[in-house]
Amino acid sequence: MKFITPSLALVLSLVLASCNNTSNKPGVGEYDAEHDIISFAQQDSMMNAATEMANATFPMFMLAFKNPTPQMSQFYVKMAFDYDVDGSTEHIWFAEPHYRSDSALYAIVSNEVAHIDGLEFGDTMPVNMAQLSDWMYVENDTLRGGYTTRVIWANMTEDEKADLVKQLGYKIE
């Protein structure tokens, strides 16, 4: 069984939005070096809009996932997990979605987990639509979906963007 490459794991873990930041600027998170995540305020309008867009367009992901072309790869879903009484949420990317004999969609935890007890990198669990916060895949070397990733992308410098594209090997438009 293969897992996501280390550079992609790092990038995707940075794009996991632990929603307990108090920043007032929409789309700008606060980096937590201890857990290697970027936190966003629960009321961050750009991140919330990205999550809403991901949910609204999830049928596009499923269509591509069920009928992939040779140009499509790297299918991921992101799910939200509440972990604190103050409403803090950790968003975790899951790789390699697949169906099991029970017809449920499962995927593999693909970034380090900071705050969710009992869930670790490499664990497999069912995809819960009520927890869906993003999805992505790569087609023709270009990101499809990845709405929360795009929020962070919009606030990166041109040099940071160039470095990220070089690491990932695909474009974010």
C-alpha atoms as a PDB file:
ATOM      1  CA  MET A   1       0.000   0.000   0.000  1.00  0.00           C
ATOM      2  CA  LYS A   2       1.454   3.364  -0.957  1.00  0.00           C
ATOM      3  CA  PHE A   3       1.089   6.636   0.843  1.00  0.00           C
ATOM      4  CA  ILE A   4       1.483  10.214  -0.240  1.00  0.00           C
ATOM      5  CA  THR A   5       4.976  11.533  -0.788  1.00  0.00           C
ATOM      6  CA  PRO A   6       6.641  13.361   2.119  1.00  0.00           C
ATOM      7  CA  SER A   7       6.673  16.744   0.368  1.00  0.00           C
ATOM      8  CA  LEU A   8       2.984  16.476  -0.455  1.00  0.00           C
ATOM      9  CA  ALA A   9       2.220  15.313   3.086  1.00  0.00           C
ATOM     10  CA  LEU A  10       3.958  18.394   4.451  1.00  0.00           C
ATOM     11  CA  VAL A  11       2.137  20.750   2.111  1.00  0.00           C
ATOM     12  CA  LEU A  12      -1.245  19.179   2.733  1.00  0.00           C
ATOM     13  CA  SER A  13      -0.701  19.195   6.493  1.00  0.00           C
ATOM     14  CA  LEU A  14       0.031  22.910   6.258  1.00  0.00           C
ATOM     15  CA  VAL A  15      -3.268  23.376   4.508  1.00  0.00           C
ATOM     16  CA  LEU A  16      -5.259  21.680   7.250  1.00  0.00           C
ATOM     17  CA  ALA A  17      -7.074  24.490   9.014  1.00  0.00           C
ATOM     18  CA  SER A  18      -7.305  24.035  12.724  1.00  0.00           C
ATOM     19  CA  CYS A  19     -10.044  26.548  13.251  1.00  0.00           C
ATOM     20  CA  ASN A  20      -9.112  28.242  16.477  1.00  0.00           C
ATOM     21  CA  ASN A  21      -7.040  31.218  15.272  1.00  0.00           C
ATOM     22  CA  THR A  22      -8.125  34.683  16.290  1.00  0.00           C
ATOM     23  CA  SER A  23      -6.805  36.462  13.166  1.00  0.00           C
ATOM     24  CA  ASN A  24      -9.241  39.046  11.844  1.00  0.00           C
ATOM     25  CA  LYS A  25      -7.951  39.055   8.265  1.00  0.00           C
ATOM     26  CA  PRO A  26      -9.957  36.589   6.128  1.00  0.00           C
ATOM     27  CA  GLY A  27      -7.906  33.875   4.480  1.00  0.00           C
ATOM     28  CA  VAL A  28      -4.828  34.467   6.615  1.00  0.00           C
ATOM     29  CA  GLY A  29      -3.973  31.772   9.090  1.00  0.00           C
ATOM     30  CA  GLU A  30      -1.540  31.522  11.958  1.00  0.00           C
ATOM     31  CA  TYR A  31       1.269  28.968  11.729  1.00  0.00           C
ATOM     32  CA  ASP A  32       1.628  26.519  14.628  1.00  0.00           C
ATOM     33  CA  ALA A  33       5.203  25.169  14.404  1.00  0.00           C
ATOM     34  CA  GLU A  34       4.661  22.607  17.177  1.00  0.00           C
ATOM     35  CA  HIS A  35       1.980  20.788  15.184  1.00  0.00           C
ATOM     36  CA  ASP A  36       3.028  21.993  11.705  1.00  0.00           C
ATOM     37  CA  ILE A  37      -0.419  23.347  10.889  1.00  0.00           C
ATOM     38  CA  ILE A  38      -2.007  26.646   9.975  1.00  0.00           C
ATOM     39  CA  SER A  39      -4.913  27.737  12.159  1.00  0.00           C
ATOM     40  CA  PHE A  40      -7.811  29.840  10.911  1.00  0.00           C
ATOM     41  CA  ALA A  41     -10.546  31.574  12.863  1.00  0.00           C
ATOM     42  CA  GLN A  42     -13.825  29.676  12.964  1.00  0.00           C
ATOM     43  CA  GLN A  43     -15.520  32.665  11.375  1.00  0.00           C
ATOM     44  CA  ASP A  44     -12.903  33.072   8.586  1.00  0.00           C
ATOM     45  CA  SER A  45     -15.114  33.993   5.642  1.00  0.00           C
ATOM     46  CA  MET A  46     -12.693  32.802   2.954  1.00  0.00           C
ATOM     47  CA  MET A  47     -12.041  29.410   4.546  1.00  0.00           C
ATOM     48  CA  ASN A  48     -15.740  28.907   5.268  1.00  0.00           C
ATOM     49  CA  ALA A  49     -16.604  29.796   1.658  1.00  0.00           C
ATOM     50  CA  ALA A  50     -13.964  27.315   0.469  1.00  0.00           C
ATOM     51  CA  THR A  51     -15.527  24.563   2.568  1.00  0.00           C
ATOM     52  CA  GLU A  52     -18.999  25.419   1.279  1.00  0.00           C
ATOM     53  CA  MET A  53     -17.701  25.308  -2.306  1.00  0.00           C
ATOM     54  CA  ALA A  54     -16.089  21.924  -1.685  1.00  0.00           C
ATOM     55  CA  ASN A  55     -19.359  20.523  -0.383  1.00  0.00           C
ATOM     56  CA  ALA A  56     -21.386  22.012  -3.234  1.00  0.00           C
ATOM     57  CA  THR A  57     -19.032  20.611  -5.878  1.00  0.00           C
ATOM     58  CA  PHE A  58     -18.366  17.201  -4.318  1.00  0.00           C
ATOM     59  CA  PRO A  59     -20.453  15.472  -7.025  1.00  0.00           C
ATOM     60  CA  MET A  60     -17.767  16.633  -9.512  1.00  0.00           C
ATOM     61  CA  PHE A  61     -15.140  14.861  -7.417  1.00  0.00           C
ATOM     62  CA  MET A  62     -17.205  11.672  -7.264  1.00  0.00           C
ATOM     63  CA  LEU A  63     -17.764  11.705 -11.026  1.00  0.00           C
ATOM     64  CA  ALA A  64     -14.021  12.000 -11.640  1.00  0.00           C
ATOM     65  CA  PHE A  65     -13.204   9.444  -8.928  1.00  0.00           C
ATOM     66  CA  LYS A  66     -15.622   6.872 -10.341  1.00  0.00           C
ATOM     67  CA  ASN A  67     -14.574   7.511 -13.953  1.00  0.00           C
ATOM     68  CA  PRO A  68     -10.910   8.559 -13.874  1.00  0.00           C
ATOM     69  CA  THR A  69      -8.989   9.194 -17.052  1.00  0.00           C
ATOM     70  CA  PRO A  70      -5.276   8.417 -17.370  1.00  0.00           C
ATOM     71  CA  GLN A  71      -4.619  12.145 -16.799  1.00  0.00           C
ATOM     72  CA  MET A  72      -6.219  12.057 -13.320  1.00  0.00           C
ATOM     73  CA  SER A  73      -4.386  11.140 -10.118  1.00  0.00           C
ATOM     74  CA  GLN A  74      -3.919  11.979  -6.449  1.00  0.00           C
ATOM     75  CA  PHE A  75      -7.518  11.825  -5.252  1.00  0.00           C
ATOM     76  CA  TYR A  76      -7.978  13.172  -1.695  1.00  0.00           C
ATOM     77  CA  VAL A  77     -10.799  14.200   0.599  1.00  0.00           C
ATOM     78  CA  LYS A  78     -10.519  16.366   3.694  1.00  0.00           C
ATOM     79  CA  MET A  79     -12.695  15.846   6.751  1.00  0.00           C
ATOM     80  CA  ALA A  80     -13.269  18.014   9.816  1.00  0.00           C
ATOM     81  CA  PHE A  81     -13.000  16.659  13.372  1.00  0.00           C
ATOM     82  CA  ASP A  82     -14.067  18.626  16.451  1.00  0.00           C
ATOM     83  CA  TYR A  83     -11.622  18.254  19.323  1.00  0.00           C
ATOM     84  CA  ASP A  84     -12.322  20.853  21.986  1.00  0.00           C
ATOM     85  CA  VAL A  85     -15.298  22.210  23.874  1.00  0.00           C
ATOM     86  CA  ASP A  86     -14.558  25.655  22.408  1.00  0.00           C
ATOM     87  CA  GLY A  87     -15.483  24.348  18.952  1.00  0.00           C
ATOM     88  CA  SER A  88     -11.946  23.901  17.646  1.00  0.00           C
ATOM     89  CA  THR A  89     -11.793  21.710  14.571  1.00  0.00           C
ATOM     90  CA  GLU A  90      -8.929  19.867  12.909  1.00  0.00           C
ATOM     91  CA  HIS A  91      -9.207  19.309   9.151  1.00  0.00           C
ATOM     92  CA  ILE A  92      -7.375  16.201   7.943  1.00  0.00           C
ATOM     93  CA  TRP A  93      -6.574  15.084   4.396  1.00  0.00           C
ATOM     94  CA  PHE A  94      -7.313  11.482   3.417  1.00  0.00           C
ATOM     95  CA  ALA A  95      -5.708   9.746   0.438  1.00  0.00           C
ATOM     96  CA  GLU A  96      -6.585   6.789  -1.752  1.00  0.00           C
ATOM     97  CA  PRO A  97     -10.366   6.795  -1.463  1.00  0.00           C
ATOM     98  CA  HIS A  98     -11.737   3.339  -2.156  1.00  0.00           C
ATOM     99  CA  TYR A  99     -14.891   1.284  -1.751  1.00  0.00           C
ATOM    100  CA  ARG A 100     -15.087  -1.730   0.501  1.00  0.00           C
ATOM    101  CA  SER A 101     -17.485  -4.626   0.281  1.00  0.00           C
ATOM    102  CA  ASP A 102     -19.982  -2.739   2.458  1.00  0.00           C
ATOM    103  CA  SER A 103     -20.196  -0.143  -0.372  1.00  0.00           C
ATOM    104  CA  ALA A 104     -18.931   2.623   1.907  1.00  0.00           C
ATOM    105  CA  LEU A 105     -16.215   4.995   0.728  1.00  0.00           C
ATOM    106  CA  TYR A 106     -13.019   4.728   2.799  1.00  0.00           C
ATOM    107  CA  ALA A 107      -9.754   6.677   2.705  1.00  0.00           C
ATOM    108  CA  ILE A 108      -6.365   6.740   4.422  1.00  0.00           C
ATOM    109  CA  VAL A 109      -5.172   9.485   6.805  1.00  0.00           C
ATOM    110  CA  SER A 110      -2.466  11.246   4.815  1.00  0.00           C
ATOM    111  CA  ASN A 111      -1.098  13.875   7.166  1.00  0.00           C
ATOM    112  CA  GLU A 112       0.048  13.883  10.761  1.00  0.00           C
ATOM    113  CA  VAL A 113      -2.822  14.278  13.203  1.00  0.00           C
ATOM    114  CA  ALA A 114      -2.335  16.958  15.846  1.00  0.00           C
ATOM    115  CA  HIS A 115      -5.402  16.917  18.103  1.00  0.00           C
ATOM    116  CA  ILE A 116      -7.588  13.877  17.390  1.00  0.00           C
ATOM    117  CA  ASP A 117      -6.987  11.018  19.820  1.00  0.00           C
ATOM    118  CA  GLY A 118      -7.056   7.561  18.281  1.00  0.00           C
ATOM    119  CA  LEU A 119      -6.476   8.737  14.702  1.00  0.00           C
ATOM    120  CA  GLU A 120      -3.018   8.488  13.139  1.00  0.00           C
ATOM    121  CA  PHE A 121      -1.246   8.824   9.818  1.00  0.00           C
ATOM    122  CA  GLY A 122      -1.968   5.704   7.760  1.00  0.00           C
ATOM    123  CA  ASP A 123      -5.269   4.820   9.468  1.00  0.00           C
ATOM    124  CA  THR A 124      -8.178   3.918   7.207  1.00  0.00           C
ATOM    125  CA  MET A 125     -11.671   5.128   7.975  1.00  0.00           C
ATOM    126  CA  PRO A 126     -14.994   5.711   6.230  1.00  0.00           C
ATOM    127  CA  VAL A 127     -15.555   9.057   4.549  1.00  0.00           C
ATOM    128  CA  ASN A 128     -18.340  10.834   6.425  1.00  0.00           C
ATOM    129  CA  MET A 129     -20.102  13.381   4.215  1.00  0.00           C
ATOM    130  CA  ALA A 130     -21.160  15.383   7.276  1.00  0.00           C
ATOM    131  CA  GLN A 131     -17.447  15.971   7.978  1.00  0.00           C
ATOM    132  CA  LEU A 132     -16.367  16.792   4.409  1.00  0.00           C
ATOM    133  CA  SER A 133     -14.437  20.067   4.210  1.00  0.00           C
ATOM    134  CA  ASP A 134     -12.566  19.751   0.895  1.00  0.00           C
ATOM    135  CA  TRP A 135     -11.565  17.454  -1.930  1.00  0.00           C
ATOM    136  CA  MET A 136      -8.922  17.467  -4.633  1.00  0.00           C
ATOM    137  CA  TYR A 137      -7.350  15.577  -7.455  1.00  0.00           C
ATOM    138  CA  VAL A 138      -4.801  16.369 -10.131  1.00  0.00           C
ATOM    139  CA  GLU A 139      -5.745  16.387 -13.801  1.00  0.00           C
ATOM    140  CA  ASN A 140      -3.281  17.212 -16.574  1.00  0.00           C
ATOM    141  CA  ASP A 141      -0.799  18.447 -13.953  1.00  0.00           C
ATOM    142  CA  THR A 142      -3.339  20.927 -12.547  1.00  0.00           C
ATOM    143  CA  LEU A 143      -5.132  20.932  -9.189  1.00  0.00           C
ATOM    144  CA  ARG A 144      -8.886  20.350  -9.326  1.00  0.00           C
ATOM    145  CA  GLY A 145     -10.844  21.226  -6.193  1.00  0.00           C
ATOM    146  CA  GLY A 146      -8.524  21.952  -3.279  1.00  0.00           C
ATOM    147  CA  TYR A 147     -10.568  24.991  -2.291  1.00  0.00           C
ATOM    148  CA  THR A 148      -8.998  25.366   1.160  1.00  0.00           C
ATOM    149  CA  THR A 149      -5.563  24.999  -0.413  1.00  0.00           C
ATOM    150  CA  ARG A 150      -6.442  27.858  -2.751  1.00  0.00           C
ATOM    151  CA  VAL A 151      -7.210  30.131   0.220  1.00  0.00           C
ATOM    152  CA  ILE A 152      -3.666  29.690   1.458  1.00  0.00           C
ATOM    153  CA  TRP A 153      -2.304  29.935  -2.097  1.00  0.00           C
ATOM    154  CA  ALA A 154      -3.955  33.342  -2.525  1.00  0.00           C
ATOM    155  CA  ASN A 155      -1.916  34.685   0.391  1.00  0.00           C
ATOM    156  CA  MET A 156       1.453  33.263  -0.652  1.00  0.00           C
ATOM    157  CA  THR A 157       4.215  35.306  -2.265  1.00  0.00           C
ATOM    158  CA  GLU A 158       5.192  34.543  -5.853  1.00  0.00           C
ATOM    159  CA  ASP A 159       8.406  32.889  -4.612  1.00  0.00           C
ATOM    160  CA  GLU A 160       6.439  30.691  -2.187  1.00  0.00           C
ATOM    161  CA  LYS A 161       4.057  29.728  -4.984  1.00  0.00           C
ATOM    162  CA  ALA A 162       6.925  28.815  -7.302  1.00  0.00           C
ATOM    163  CA  ASP A 163       8.548  26.682  -4.578  1.00  0.00           C
ATOM    164  CA  LEU A 164       5.271  24.939  -3.836  1.00  0.00           C
ATOM    165  CA  VAL A 165       4.565  24.126  -7.490  1.00  0.00           C
ATOM    166  CA  LYS A 166       8.093  22.751  -7.799  1.00  0.00           C
ATOM    167  CA  GLN A 167       7.553  20.522  -4.732  1.00  0.00           C
ATOM    168  CA  LEU A 168       4.133  19.308  -5.796  1.00  0.00           C
ATOM    169  CA  GLY A 169       4.754  18.876  -9.497  1.00  0.00           C
ATOM    170  CA  TYR A 170       1.398  20.316 -10.493  1.00  0.00           C
ATOM    171  CA  LYS A 171      -0.101  23.754 -10.991  1.00  0.00           C
ATOM    172  CA  ILE A 172      -2.598  25.598  -8.824  1.00  0.00           C
ATOM    173  CA  GLU A 173      -4.625  28.044 -10.885  1.00  0.00           C
END
